Amino acid sequence: MARALGVLPGGAAGPPVEGFEVAYIDPGGSELRRPLANVWAVRFEDAEPVREFKSYKGQRHLPGLWWSSTAAGHIGYESWLERDHVMLLDFDPSVVAVSSQPFWLFWTAATGKGISHAPDYFARREDGTAVVVDCRPVDRRKPRDWAKFEATQAACDQVGWVFRLVGAPDAIVVRNVRWLAGYRHPRHRLEPTASELLAMFAEPRPLMDGAASAGEVIAVLPVLFHLLWTHELTVDVSVPLHAMAVVSAGVGRGC
């Protein structure tokens, strides 16, 4: 259920909507801190993470690095939930760049206490718009977390960024996209197989039928899965992938 900005559990007042500052690390490694109004045009998709992705014995979360075909490099995550969402951002054809832990947001609460928060991801879309993403399971969103999320929403509203607070994504979509992600690297786009598959699926047809028509299935399928990852071909990922899943021509990434 959507929550109204500025209304916290128990009727507590929401955060102020002015006075935000942003601290970030530019591509050259310099640490900068500026008023929010002065950073709306900063390419945070190129910023270095403001926090380290630490690993230690006994920790509850499982951090790691996701190799992004969109960024052609690694993007950090601090939990499997974040990993799933950076994977989905990587799969999204409208997203052209992603960074993790892109900046610190600072503001002063109504009580006078200084508060900071580092959103999980910053994504740039093909149309130039920006999306700021925070990942938190629904059952772990406490009142103090809501205060930070609502402040982040207010900050994003000021500079025209979209803010998304996400929880566990659809399990079937995640499983399908995770399978396709195994073939996300460009090395799987082999010719002439890729061109043959694009021709085979110019009209919608079952996945295995089109694959078999393009050559030896065991060699063709990795190329087919790569084309589904890049959206040059498309399939419904909201239902389990199977041999009879209908594959058709796609729009391609960034189109």
Foldseek 3Di string as FASTA:
>chain_A
DDDDQQQFPPRDGAFDLDDKKKWFAALVGDIDIGGLVVCLPPPLLRTAAPDDQDDDPPDPADKDWDCALLANGTEIDTHVQLVLVVLVLSLDLFWRGKHAQSIKMWDAGPVRDIDIDGFGMWTATLVGAIETEHEDAPVPCDRVNSNVLSNVCSSCVVSVHHYYYDYHDDPQLSVLSVVLSVLQDPVLQDPPLLVQLQVLQQDKFFDQVSCVVSDDNVSNVSNVSNCCSQQQKHFDSNHHRDRGTIIHGGDGRSD
